[in-house]
Amino acid sequence: MRFKARSDTPDLHSQLESLLDQVWRSEADWRLWDRLDAAVMQEDLRLIREKKRDIQEAA
């Protein structure tokens, strides 16, 4: 029994390529958000250190 090849169905290689492309884009987004989170955390720590320094200088 032969199956008809459907021209509108992507082959396995194309499906895998598409899936990997989605994974790579998601990982790039995660890395961007990780960098943003790290930048915000550094700024928060800088502000905390600055406040501690100001308190110590005032005392």
Protein backbone atom coordinates (compact mmCIF):
# COMPACT_ATOMS: atom_id res chain seq x y z
CA MET A 1 0.00 0.00 0.00
CA ARG A 2 1.44 3.34 -1.00
CA PHE A 3 0.69 6.63 0.65
CA LYS A 4 0.27 9.76 -1.35
CA ALA A 5 2.86 12.39 -0.57
CA ARG A 6 1.17 15.58 0.49
CA SER A 7 2.95 18.59 -0.88
CA ASP A 8 1.48 20.88 1.80
CA THR A 9 3.01 18.82 4.65
CA PRO A 10 6.60 19.80 5.49
CA ASP A 11 9.12 16.99 5.54
CA LEU A 12 10.69 15.80 8.78
CA HIS A 13 13.87 17.81 8.22
CA SER A 14 11.90 21.04 7.78
CA GLN A 15 9.84 20.32 10.90
CA LEU A 16 12.99 19.69 12.95
CA GLU A 17 14.60 22.85 11.58
CA SER A 18 11.54 24.87 12.56
CA LEU A 19 11.47 23.35 16.05
CA LEU A 20 15.17 24.06 16.62
CA ASP A 21 14.72 27.61 15.37
CA GLN A 22 11.96 28.16 17.94
CA VAL A 23 14.17 26.72 20.69
CA TRP A 24 17.11 28.94 19.72
CA ARG A 25 14.91 32.04 19.65
CA SER A 26 13.49 31.19 23.08
CA GLU A 27 16.98 30.67 24.48
CA ALA A 28 18.06 34.04 23.07
CA ASP A 29 15.07 35.66 24.78
CA TRP A 30 15.93 33.94 28.07
CA ARG A 31 19.53 35.16 27.84
CA LEU A 32 18.28 38.71 27.21
CA TRP A 33 15.99 38.55 30.25
CA ASP A 34 18.83 37.08 32.34
CA ARG A 35 21.04 40.04 31.38
CA LEU A 36 18.27 42.50 32.22
CA ASP A 37 17.65 40.81 35.58
CA ALA A 38 21.39 40.94 36.35
CA ALA A 39 21.55 44.64 35.45
CA VAL A 40 18.58 45.45 37.69
CA MET A 41 20.09 43.41 40.54
CA GLN A 42 23.43 45.24 40.19
CA GLU A 43 21.68 48.60 40.26
CA ASP A 44 19.71 47.59 43.38
CA LEU A 45 22.92 46.50 45.11
CA ARG A 46 24.62 49.75 44.13
CA LEU A 47 21.76 51.75 45.65
CA ILE A 48 21.88 49.70 48.86
CA ARG A 49 25.65 50.24 49.18
CA GLU A 50 25.22 53.94 48.49
CA LYS A 51 22.57 54.26 51.22
CA LYS A 52 24.76 52.36 53.71
CA ARG A 53 27.69 54.63 52.88
CA ASP A 54 25.55 57.75 53.34
CA ILE A 55 24.32 56.47 56.72
CA GLN A 56 27.88 55.72 57.85
CA GLU A 57 29.12 59.15 56.75
CA ALA A 58 26.25 60.86 58.57
CA ALA A 59 27.06 59.05 61.82
